C-alpha atoms as a PDB file:
ATOM      1  CA  MET A   1      29.349-202.587 -13.601  1.00  0.00           C
ATOM      2  CA  SER A   2      27.818-205.781 -14.927  1.00  0.00           C
ATOM      3  CA  PRO A   3      29.879-208.887 -15.741  1.00  0.00           C
ATOM      4  CA  SER A   4      29.614-208.099 -19.491  1.00  0.00           C
ATOM      5  CA  THR A   5      30.961-204.566 -18.973  1.00  0.00           C
ATOM      6  CA  PRO A   6      34.714-204.101 -19.431  1.00  0.00           C
ATOM      7  CA  GLU A   7      36.587-203.774 -16.156  1.00  0.00           C
ATOM      8  CA  VAL A   8      37.449-200.331 -14.857  1.00  0.00           C
ATOM      9  CA  ILE A   9      41.083-200.119 -13.776  1.00  0.00           C
ATOM     10  CA  LEU A  10      42.188-197.872 -10.907  1.00  0.00           C
ATOM     11  CA  ARG A  11      45.671-196.516 -10.436  1.00  0.00           C
ATOM     12  CA  LYS A  12      47.397-193.706  -8.610  1.00  0.00           C
ATOM     13  CA  ALA A  13      48.490-190.938 -10.982  1.00  0.00           C
ATOM     14  CA  ALA A  14      52.180-190.818 -11.804  1.00  0.00           C
ATOM     15  CA  PHE A  15      54.058-187.814 -13.160  1.00  0.00           C
ATOM     16  CA  SER A  16      53.813-189.331 -16.642  1.00  0.00           C
ATOM     17  CA  ASP A  17      49.987-189.236 -16.335  1.00  0.00           C
ATOM     18  CA  LEU A  18      49.790-185.459 -15.881  1.00  0.00           C
ATOM     19  CA  SER A  19      49.124-184.504 -19.515  1.00  0.00           C
ATOM     20  CA  GLY A  20      46.356-187.104 -19.845  1.00  0.00           C
ATOM     21  CA  LEU A  21      44.984-186.114 -16.451  1.00  0.00           C
ATOM     22  CA  LEU A  22      44.908-182.459 -17.497  1.00  0.00           C
ATOM     23  CA  GLU A  23      43.043-183.352 -20.677  1.00  0.00           C
ATOM     24  CA  ILE A  24      40.414-185.407 -18.859  1.00  0.00           C
ATOM     25  CA  ALA A  25      40.123-182.856 -16.050  1.00  0.00           C
ATOM     26  CA  GLN A  26      39.362-180.082 -18.528  1.00  0.00           C
ATOM     27  CA  LEU A  27      36.968-182.176 -20.619  1.00  0.00           C
ATOM     28  CA  SER A  28      35.017-183.614 -17.686  1.00  0.00           C
ATOM     29  CA  PHE A  29      34.740-180.189 -16.047  1.00  0.00           C
ATOM     30  CA  VAL A  30      33.367-178.615 -19.230  1.00  0.00           C
ATOM     31  CA  GLN A  31      30.900-181.489 -19.638  1.00  0.00           C
ATOM     32  CA  ALA A  32      29.728-181.200 -16.028  1.00  0.00           C
ATOM     33  CA  PHE A  33      29.489-177.429 -15.689  1.00  0.00           C
ATOM     34  CA  THR A  34      28.766-175.793 -19.051  1.00  0.00           C
ATOM     35  CA  GLU A  35      25.017-176.258 -18.614  1.00  0.00           C
ATOM     36  CA  GLY A  36      23.674-173.645 -16.203  1.00  0.00           C
ATOM     37  CA  ASN A  37      26.791-171.469 -16.303  1.00  0.00           C
ATOM     38  CA  LYS A  38      28.102-168.680 -18.495  1.00  0.00           C
ATOM     39  CA  LEU A  39      30.708-170.027 -20.899  1.00  0.00           C
ATOM     40  CA  GLU A  40      33.120-167.217 -20.029  1.00  0.00           C
ATOM     41  CA  ASN A  41      32.975-168.249 -16.345  1.00  0.00           C
ATOM     42  CA  VAL A  42      33.687-171.867 -17.252  1.00  0.00           C
ATOM     43  CA  GLN A  43      36.650-170.726 -19.368  1.00  0.00           C
ATOM     44  CA  ALA A  44      37.910-168.393 -16.620  1.00  0.00           C
ATOM     45  CA  TYR A  45      37.842-171.225 -14.088  1.00  0.00           C
ATOM     46  CA  LEU A  46      39.559-173.620 -16.497  1.00  0.00           C
ATOM     47  CA  SER A  47      42.351-171.123 -17.125  1.00  0.00           C
ATOM     48  CA  GLN A  48      42.877-170.800 -13.380  1.00  0.00           C
ATOM     49  CA  ALA A  49      42.338-174.291 -11.946  1.00  0.00           C
ATOM     50  CA  PHE A  50      43.217-176.627 -14.812  1.00  0.00           C
ATOM     51  CA  THR A  51      46.592-175.537 -16.134  1.00  0.00           C
ATOM     52  CA  PRO A  52      49.712-177.709 -16.432  1.00  0.00           C
ATOM     53  CA  VAL A  53      51.469-175.676 -13.722  1.00  0.00           C
ATOM     54  CA  GLN A  54      48.525-175.831 -11.292  1.00  0.00           C
ATOM     55  CA  LEU A  55      47.905-179.532 -11.848  1.00  0.00           C
ATOM     56  CA  GLU A  56      51.580-180.395 -11.313  1.00  0.00           C
ATOM     57  CA  LYS A  57      51.627-178.285  -8.132  1.00  0.00           C
ATOM     58  CA  GLU A  58      48.593-180.196  -6.800  1.00  0.00           C
ATOM     59  CA  TRP A  59      50.064-183.562  -7.839  1.00  0.00           C
ATOM     60  CA  ARG A  60      53.336-182.778  -6.049  1.00  0.00           C
ATOM     61  CA  ASN A  61      51.532-181.970  -2.781  1.00  0.00           C
ATOM     62  CA  PRO A  62      52.199-185.003  -0.521  1.00  0.00           C
ATOM     63  CA  ALA A  63      48.780-184.536   1.144  1.00  0.00           C
ATOM     64  CA  SER A  64      46.933-184.914  -2.193  1.00  0.00           C
ATOM     65  CA  THR A  65      46.436-188.064  -4.243  1.00  0.00           C
ATOM     66  CA  PHE A  66      44.958-188.410  -7.727  1.00  0.00           C
ATOM     67  CA  LEU A  67      43.306-191.741  -8.515  1.00  0.00           C
ATOM     68  CA  LEU A  68      42.627-192.475 -12.175  1.00  0.00           C
ATOM     69  CA  ALA A  69      39.940-194.691 -13.690  1.00  0.00           C
ATOM     70  CA  SER A  70      40.635-196.288 -17.071  1.00  0.00           C
ATOM     71  CA  LEU A  71      38.328-198.310 -19.252  1.00  0.00           C
ATOM     72  CA  GLU A  72      39.804-200.335 -22.123  1.00  0.00           C
ATOM     73  CA  GLY A  73      43.065-198.391 -21.742  1.00  0.00           C
ATOM     74  CA  LYS A  74      41.424-194.952 -21.905  1.00  0.00           C
ATOM     75  CA  LEU A  75      41.192-192.516 -18.984  1.00  0.00           C
ATOM     76  CA  VAL A  76      37.503-191.970 -18.218  1.00  0.00           C
ATOM     77  CA  GLY A  77      37.552-190.346 -14.782  1.00  0.00           C
ATOM     78  CA  TYR A  78      39.526-189.366 -11.745  1.00  0.00           C
ATOM     79  CA  THR A  79      39.254-188.305  -8.162  1.00  0.00           C
ATOM     80  CA  LYS A  80      41.533-186.058  -6.155  1.00  0.00           C
ATOM     81  CA  VAL A  81      41.563-186.728  -2.420  1.00  0.00           C
ATOM     82  CA  ASN A  82      43.157-184.522   0.205  1.00  0.00           C
ATOM     83  CA  LEU A  83      44.476-185.325   3.631  1.00  0.00           C
ATOM     84  CA  VAL A  84      44.253-182.574   6.254  1.00  0.00           C
ATOM     85  CA  ALA A  85      47.281-180.530   5.091  1.00  0.00           C
ATOM     86  CA  ALA A  86      45.712-180.025   1.639  1.00  0.00           C
ATOM     87  CA  GLN A  87      42.048-179.710   2.630  1.00  0.00           C
ATOM     88  CA  THR A  88      40.292-176.560   1.472  1.00  0.00           C
ATOM     89  CA  ASP A  89      37.490-175.679   3.893  1.00  0.00           C
ATOM     90  CA  VAL A  90      37.458-178.158   6.720  1.00  0.00           C
ATOM     91  CA  GLN A  91      40.857-179.063   8.102  1.00  0.00           C
ATOM     92  CA  ASP A  92      39.889-182.176  10.039  1.00  0.00           C
ATOM     93  CA  SER A  93      42.468-184.845  10.811  1.00  0.00           C
ATOM     94  CA  GLU A  94      39.660-187.435  11.070  1.00  0.00           C
ATOM     95  CA  SER A  95      38.445-186.675   7.539  1.00  0.00           C
ATOM     96  CA  LEU A  96      39.438-187.086   3.932  1.00  0.00           C
ATOM     97  CA  GLU A  97      38.326-184.451   1.432  1.00  0.00           C
ATOM     98  CA  VAL A  98      37.161-185.559  -1.991  1.00  0.00           C
ATOM     99  CA  ALA A  99      38.297-182.392  -3.735  1.00  0.00           C
ATOM    100  CA  ARG A 100      37.302-183.598  -7.211  1.00  0.00           C
ATOM    101  CA  LEU A 101      35.448-186.563  -8.627  1.00  0.00           C
ATOM    102  CA  TYR A 102      34.774-186.364 -12.348  1.00  0.00           C
ATOM    103  CA  THR A 103      34.043-188.744 -15.182  1.00  0.00           C
ATOM    104  CA  VAL A 104      33.627-188.081 -18.882  1.00  0.00           C
ATOM    105  CA  GLU A 105      30.075-187.875 -20.127  1.00  0.00           C
ATOM    106  CA  GLU A 106      30.331-191.070 -22.186  1.00  0.00           C
ATOM    107  CA  VAL A 107      30.500-193.140 -18.972  1.00  0.00           C
ATOM    108  CA  TRP A 108      27.876-191.249 -16.944  1.00  0.00           C
ATOM    109  CA  GLY A 109      25.470-193.726 -15.399  1.00  0.00           C
ATOM    110  CA  LYS A 110      27.815-196.676 -16.001  1.00  0.00           C
ATOM    111  CA  GLY A 111      29.220-196.995 -12.474  1.00  0.00           C
ATOM    112  CA  VAL A 112      32.567-195.248 -12.970  1.00  0.00           C
ATOM    113  CA  GLY A 113      31.701-192.446 -10.537  1.00  0.00           C
ATOM    114  CA  GLN A 114      30.682-195.052  -7.961  1.00  0.00           C
ATOM    115  CA  PHE A 115      33.926-196.933  -8.616  1.00  0.00           C
ATOM    116  CA  LEU A 116      35.927-193.759  -7.930  1.00  0.00           C
ATOM    117  CA  LEU A 117      33.916-192.892  -4.814  1.00  0.00           C
ATOM    118  CA  ASP A 118      34.422-196.438  -3.524  1.00  0.00           C
ATOM    119  CA  ALA A 119      38.161-196.011  -4.153  1.00  0.00           C
ATOM    120  CA  ALA A 120      38.116-192.740  -2.164  1.00  0.00           C
ATOM    121  CA  ILE A 121      36.296-194.481   0.681  1.00  0.00           C
ATOM    122  CA  ALA A 122      38.862-197.308   0.659  1.00  0.00           C
ATOM    123  CA  PHE A 123      41.662-194.702   0.674  1.00  0.00           C
ATOM    124  CA  ALA A 124      40.040-192.980   3.668  1.00  0.00           C
ATOM    125  CA  LYS A 125      39.789-196.261   5.559  1.00  0.00           C
ATOM    126  CA  GLU A 126      43.399-197.192   4.713  1.00  0.00           C
ATOM    127  CA  ASN A 127      44.445-193.850   6.166  1.00  0.00           C
ATOM    128  CA  GLY A 128      42.403-194.293   9.362  1.00  0.00           C
ATOM    129  CA  LYS A 129      39.815-191.618   8.569  1.00  0.00           C
ATOM    130  CA  THR A 130      36.328-191.526  10.070  1.00  0.00           C
ATOM    131  CA  TYR A 131      34.664-189.236   7.524  1.00  0.00           C
ATOM    132  CA  ILE A 132      34.783-188.151   3.911  1.00  0.00           C
ATOM    133  CA  TRP A 133      33.619-184.667   3.048  1.00  0.00           C
ATOM    134  CA  LEU A 134      33.294-182.702  -0.170  1.00  0.00           C
ATOM    135  CA  GLY A 135      31.842-179.562  -1.699  1.00  0.00           C
ATOM    136  CA  VAL A 136      29.200-179.794  -4.439  1.00  0.00           C
ATOM    137  CA  TRP A 137      27.587-176.960  -6.400  1.00  0.00           C
ATOM    138  CA  GLU A 138      24.104-176.347  -5.047  1.00  0.00           C
ATOM    139  CA  HIS A 139      22.648-176.520  -8.596  1.00  0.00           C
ATOM    140  CA  ASN A 140      24.318-179.809  -9.525  1.00  0.00           C
ATOM    141  CA  ALA A 141      21.258-181.932  -8.766  1.00  0.00           C
ATOM    142  CA  ARG A 142      22.727-185.023 -10.446  1.00  0.00           C
ATOM    143  CA  ALA A 143      25.834-184.989  -8.232  1.00  0.00           C
ATOM    144  CA  ILE A 144      23.828-184.189  -5.095  1.00  0.00           C
ATOM    145  CA  ARG A 145      21.540-187.189  -5.747  1.00  0.00           C
ATOM    146  CA  PHE A 146      24.611-189.391  -6.264  1.00  0.00           C
ATOM    147  CA  TYR A 147      26.213-188.295  -2.988  1.00  0.00           C
ATOM    148  CA  GLU A 148      22.940-188.561  -1.041  1.00  0.00           C
ATOM    149  CA  LYS A 149      22.470-192.090  -2.438  1.00  0.00           C
ATOM    150  CA  ASN A 150      25.879-192.842  -0.916  1.00  0.00           C
ATOM    151  CA  GLY A 151      24.878-191.536   2.514  1.00  0.00           C
ATOM    152  CA  PHE A 152      26.352-188.031   2.320  1.00  0.00           C
ATOM    153  CA  GLN A 153      24.467-185.327   4.202  1.00  0.00           C
ATOM    154  CA  ALA A 154      24.839-181.567   3.962  1.00  0.00           C
ATOM    155  CA  PHE A 155      26.497-179.972   6.975  1.00  0.00           C
ATOM    156  CA  GLY A 156      27.217-176.473   5.698  1.00  0.00           C
ATOM    157  CA  SER A 157      28.061-174.407   2.655  1.00  0.00           C
ATOM    158  CA  HIS A 158      30.791-172.165   1.327  1.00  0.00           C
ATOM    159  CA  PRO A 159      31.156-169.516  -1.349  1.00  0.00           C
ATOM    160  CA  PHE A 160      32.820-170.663  -4.557  1.00  0.00           C
ATOM    161  CA  PRO A 161      34.313-167.976  -6.828  1.00  0.00           C
ATOM    162  CA  PHE A 162      33.483-168.876 -10.428  1.00  0.00           C
ATOM    163  CA  GLY A 163      34.442-166.293 -13.016  1.00  0.00           C
ATOM    164  CA  ASP A 164      32.466-163.130 -12.312  1.00  0.00           C
ATOM    165  CA  GLU A 165      30.077-164.915  -9.910  1.00  0.00           C
ATOM    166  CA  ILE A 166      30.186-166.212  -6.382  1.00  0.00           C
ATOM    167  CA  GLN A 167      28.347-169.535  -6.342  1.00  0.00           C
ATOM    168  CA  THR A 168      27.418-171.667  -3.352  1.00  0.00           C
ATOM    169  CA  ASP A 169      28.743-175.156  -2.750  1.00  0.00           C
ATOM    170  CA  TRP A 170      27.094-177.425  -0.233  1.00  0.00           C
ATOM    171  CA  LEU A 171      29.506-179.171   2.100  1.00  0.00           C
ATOM    172  CA  MET A 172      28.496-182.810   2.491  1.00  0.00           C
ATOM    173  CA  ARG A 173      29.996-185.659   4.481  1.00  0.00           C
ATOM    174  CA  VAL A 174      29.560-189.307   5.332  1.00  0.00           C
ATOM    175  CA  GLU A 175      31.047-191.612   7.924  1.00  0.00           C
ATOM    176  CA  VAL A 176      33.190-194.348   6.368  1.00  0.00           C
END
């Protein structure tokens, strides 16, 4: 972010943030994944992964933390990080999982994603972790370039159920 750009504010999500978090989670997911996917699969995933009940359950998990990015008082992105007890594929006590990192389309290319990734890296270091790992859809070239630019390297893959398809996510990690 340049000096003339408004400052992005980071904060840990509180219970009172859940409705706004749900709204931005749904919007940013649709913006990121509608292209290249069947709309009914996007909707099926939204109705499963991004509901008020599911989001509250994830927020209440003590091994998960949601970090929110705001710009001029408006939520523009978030990341969900998981310690070992909440990790999905790789349960590694030396690692932090970045389970989600999304921004709204209006701030793509403006450094908000980098801001959130830097916050996840700082969180990992504060918690004594050696690595950060994540899963990224094999056809999300934009995200893969972003993670590779930040030193992430693929170390495996896993199937990702998405509506009536099974997609492949690359598992990527970096030392922090």
